[in-house]
C-alpha cells in the first residue's frame, strides 16, 4: 500500500502512470480532474458546440454498407 500522498492537481498523469495506481487512487485523481474540467466545459461553448455525428458519419465504405 502506498503511504505517500498523491498530488491530484499539480502532476500531469500519463495513461500508463494512472494504470499502475490502485483503483481508488486512480478514481480520486480522475474525479479531481473532472471537477476542474467541468468549469471549462460549462463556460466555454466552443468545447461543446459540435455535432458528435454528422449526417455523413454513418456511411461505410464496405460492400455490406447500406446506401441511401
N, C-alpha and C. Protein backbone atom coordinates (compact mmCIF):
# COMPACT_ATOMS: atom_id res chain seq x y z
N UNK A 1 0.84 -1.17 0.00
CA UNK A 1 0.00 0.00 0.00
C UNK A 1 0.88 1.24 0.00
N UNK A 2 0.50 2.24 -0.75
CA UNK A 2 1.26 3.47 -0.83
C UNK A 2 0.94 4.36 0.36
N UNK A 3 1.97 4.91 0.98
CA UNK A 3 1.74 5.79 2.12
C UNK A 3 1.90 7.25 1.74
N UNK A 4 2.55 7.53 0.60
CA UNK A 4 2.73 8.92 0.18
C UNK A 4 1.42 9.47 -0.36
N UNK A 5 1.25 10.76 -0.19
CA UNK A 5 0.05 11.41 -0.71
C UNK A 5 0.26 11.71 -2.19
N UNK A 6 -0.67 11.32 -3.02
CA UNK A 6 -0.56 11.54 -4.46
C UNK A 6 -1.13 12.89 -4.82
N UNK A 7 -0.34 13.74 -5.47
CA UNK A 7 -0.89 15.04 -5.90
C UNK A 7 -1.90 14.83 -7.02
N UNK A 8 -3.03 15.48 -6.92
CA UNK A 8 -4.06 15.28 -7.94
C UNK A 8 -4.16 16.45 -8.90
N UNK A 9 -3.65 17.61 -8.50
CA UNK A 9 -3.82 18.76 -9.37
C UNK A 9 -2.50 19.31 -9.91
N UNK A 10 -1.38 18.92 -9.34
CA UNK A 10 -0.11 19.50 -9.78
C UNK A 10 0.63 18.63 -10.78
N UNK A 11 0.33 17.38 -10.85
CA UNK A 11 1.03 16.46 -11.74
C UNK A 11 0.21 16.20 -12.99
N UNK A 12 0.88 16.13 -14.12
CA UNK A 12 0.21 15.71 -15.37
C UNK A 12 0.44 14.21 -15.50
N UNK A 13 -0.61 13.44 -15.30
CA UNK A 13 -0.51 11.99 -15.31
C UNK A 13 -0.61 11.47 -16.74
N UNK A 14 0.19 10.47 -17.04
CA UNK A 14 0.04 9.76 -18.31
C UNK A 14 -0.91 8.60 -18.07
N UNK A 15 -1.45 8.06 -19.14
CA UNK A 15 -2.35 6.91 -19.02
C UNK A 15 -1.60 5.73 -18.39
N UNK A 16 -0.35 5.54 -18.78
CA UNK A 16 0.44 4.43 -18.23
C UNK A 16 0.64 4.59 -16.72
N UNK A 17 0.89 5.81 -16.27
CA UNK A 17 1.05 6.04 -14.83
C UNK A 17 -0.25 5.78 -14.08
N UNK A 18 -1.36 6.25 -14.63
CA UNK A 18 -2.66 6.03 -13.98
C UNK A 18 -2.99 4.55 -13.88
N UNK A 19 -2.67 3.78 -14.92
CA UNK A 19 -2.97 2.35 -14.89
C UNK A 19 -2.21 1.62 -13.80
N UNK A 20 -1.07 2.14 -13.39
CA UNK A 20 -0.25 1.48 -12.37
C UNK A 20 -0.76 1.74 -10.95
N UNK A 21 -1.61 2.72 -10.78
CA UNK A 21 -2.11 3.08 -9.46
C UNK A 21 -3.24 2.15 -9.03
N UNK A 22 -3.45 2.03 -7.71
CA UNK A 22 -4.62 1.30 -7.23
C UNK A 22 -5.90 2.00 -7.71
N UNK A 23 -6.94 1.23 -7.89
CA UNK A 23 -8.19 1.76 -8.46
C UNK A 23 -8.72 2.96 -7.67
N UNK A 24 -8.72 2.92 -6.35
CA UNK A 24 -9.27 4.01 -5.55
C UNK A 24 -8.46 5.29 -5.76
N UNK A 25 -7.16 5.17 -5.84
CA UNK A 25 -6.30 6.34 -6.05
C UNK A 25 -6.50 6.90 -7.46
N UNK A 26 -6.59 6.02 -8.42
CA UNK A 26 -6.83 6.42 -9.82
C UNK A 26 -8.17 7.13 -9.95
N UNK A 27 -9.19 6.59 -9.31
CA UNK A 27 -10.52 7.20 -9.36
C UNK A 27 -10.52 8.59 -8.72
N UNK A 28 -9.79 8.76 -7.62
CA UNK A 28 -9.72 10.06 -6.96
C UNK A 28 -9.05 11.09 -7.86
N UNK A 29 -8.01 10.71 -8.56
CA UNK A 29 -7.31 11.61 -9.48
C UNK A 29 -8.22 11.98 -10.64
N UNK A 30 -8.91 11.00 -11.20
CA UNK A 30 -9.80 11.27 -12.32
C UNK A 30 -10.98 12.14 -11.90
N UNK A 31 -11.49 11.92 -10.69
CA UNK A 31 -12.59 12.74 -10.20
C UNK A 31 -12.14 14.19 -10.02
N UNK A 32 -10.95 14.40 -9.47
CA UNK A 32 -10.43 15.76 -9.31
C UNK A 32 -10.26 16.44 -10.66
N UNK A 33 -9.78 15.70 -11.65
CA UNK A 33 -9.61 16.26 -12.99
C UNK A 33 -10.97 16.62 -13.60
N UNK A 34 -11.97 15.80 -13.36
CA UNK A 34 -13.31 16.08 -13.89
C UNK A 34 -13.90 17.34 -13.27
N UNK A 35 -13.65 17.56 -11.98
CA UNK A 35 -14.15 18.76 -11.30
C UNK A 35 -13.52 20.00 -11.93
N UNK A 36 -12.23 19.95 -12.21
CA UNK A 36 -11.54 21.07 -12.84
C UNK A 36 -12.07 21.30 -14.26
N UNK A 37 -12.27 20.22 -15.00
CA UNK A 37 -12.73 20.33 -16.39
C UNK A 37 -14.17 20.82 -16.48
N UNK A 38 -14.99 20.52 -15.48
CA UNK A 38 -16.40 20.91 -15.54
C UNK A 38 -16.56 22.41 -15.74
N UNK A 39 -15.78 23.21 -15.04
CA UNK A 39 -15.86 24.66 -15.17
C UNK A 39 -15.58 25.09 -16.61
N UNK A 40 -14.56 24.50 -17.21
CA UNK A 40 -14.23 24.85 -18.59
C UNK A 40 -15.36 24.48 -19.55
N UNK A 41 -15.91 23.30 -19.40
CA UNK A 41 -16.98 22.86 -20.29
C UNK A 41 -18.26 23.66 -20.11
N UNK A 42 -18.54 24.10 -18.90
CA UNK A 42 -19.75 24.91 -18.66
C UNK A 42 -19.60 26.33 -19.19
N UNK A 43 -18.37 26.87 -19.18
CA UNK A 43 -18.16 28.27 -19.52
C UNK A 43 -17.57 28.51 -20.90
N UNK A 44 -17.20 27.48 -21.62
CA UNK A 44 -16.61 27.66 -22.94
C UNK A 44 -17.43 26.87 -23.96
N UNK A 45 -18.38 27.51 -24.64
CA UNK A 45 -19.25 26.79 -25.56
C UNK A 45 -18.50 26.16 -26.74
N UNK A 46 -17.30 26.63 -27.03
CA UNK A 46 -16.54 26.03 -28.13
C UNK A 46 -16.15 24.58 -27.83
N UNK A 47 -16.11 24.22 -26.56
CA UNK A 47 -15.76 22.85 -26.19
C UNK A 47 -16.90 21.87 -26.43
N UNK A 48 -18.12 22.39 -26.49
CA UNK A 48 -19.27 21.50 -26.65
C UNK A 48 -20.13 21.84 -27.87
N UNK A 49 -19.76 22.86 -28.62
CA UNK A 49 -20.56 23.29 -29.77
C UNK A 49 -20.12 22.56 -31.03
N UNK A 50 -20.34 21.28 -31.04
CA UNK A 50 -20.03 20.48 -32.21
C UNK A 50 -21.04 19.34 -32.30
N UNK A 51 -21.14 18.79 -33.45
CA UNK A 51 -22.05 17.68 -33.66
C UNK A 51 -21.23 16.39 -33.59
N UNK A 52 -21.56 15.53 -32.66
CA UNK A 52 -20.78 14.31 -32.47
C UNK A 52 -20.81 13.43 -33.71
N UNK A 53 -21.96 13.33 -34.32
CA UNK A 53 -22.10 12.52 -35.53
C UNK A 53 -22.86 13.35 -36.56
N UNK A 54 -22.19 13.66 -37.64
CA UNK A 54 -22.82 14.39 -38.72
C UNK A 54 -23.60 13.47 -39.62
N UNK A 55 -24.31 14.03 -40.56
CA UNK A 55 -25.15 13.22 -41.45
C UNK A 55 -24.33 12.27 -42.30
N UNK A 56 -23.07 12.57 -42.56
CA UNK A 56 -22.23 11.70 -43.39
C UNK A 56 -21.39 10.71 -42.58
N UNK A 57 -21.49 10.74 -41.27
CA UNK A 57 -20.64 9.89 -40.43
C UNK A 57 -21.11 8.44 -40.35
N UNK A 58 -22.28 8.12 -40.84
CA UNK A 58 -22.81 6.77 -40.70
C UNK A 58 -22.68 5.93 -41.96
N UNK A 59 -22.06 6.46 -42.97
CA UNK A 59 -21.89 5.71 -44.21
C UNK A 59 -20.55 5.00 -44.18
N UNK A 60 -20.55 3.74 -44.58
CA UNK A 60 -19.31 2.97 -44.62
C UNK A 60 -18.82 2.77 -46.03
N UNK A 61 -17.61 2.30 -46.16
CA UNK A 61 -17.02 2.06 -47.48
C UNK A 61 -17.08 0.60 -47.88
N UNK A 62 -17.55 -0.26 -47.00
CA UNK A 62 -17.55 -1.69 -47.32
C UNK A 62 -18.73 -2.04 -48.23
N UNK A 63 -18.63 -3.17 -48.87
CA UNK A 63 -19.69 -3.63 -49.76
C UNK A 63 -20.99 -3.94 -49.02
N UNK A 64 -20.87 -4.21 -47.72
CA UNK A 64 -22.07 -4.56 -46.94
C UNK A 64 -22.77 -3.34 -46.39
N UNK A 65 -22.21 -2.15 -46.57
CA UNK A 65 -22.83 -0.94 -46.05
C UNK A 65 -24.08 -0.60 -46.85
N UNK A 66 -25.11 -0.20 -46.15
CA UNK A 66 -26.34 0.20 -46.83
C UNK A 66 -26.14 1.56 -47.46
N UNK A 67 -26.80 1.78 -48.58
CA UNK A 67 -26.74 3.08 -49.22
C UNK A 67 -28.11 3.73 -49.14
N UNK A 68 -28.13 5.00 -49.25
CA UNK A 68 -29.41 5.73 -49.21
C UNK A 68 -29.77 6.21 -50.56
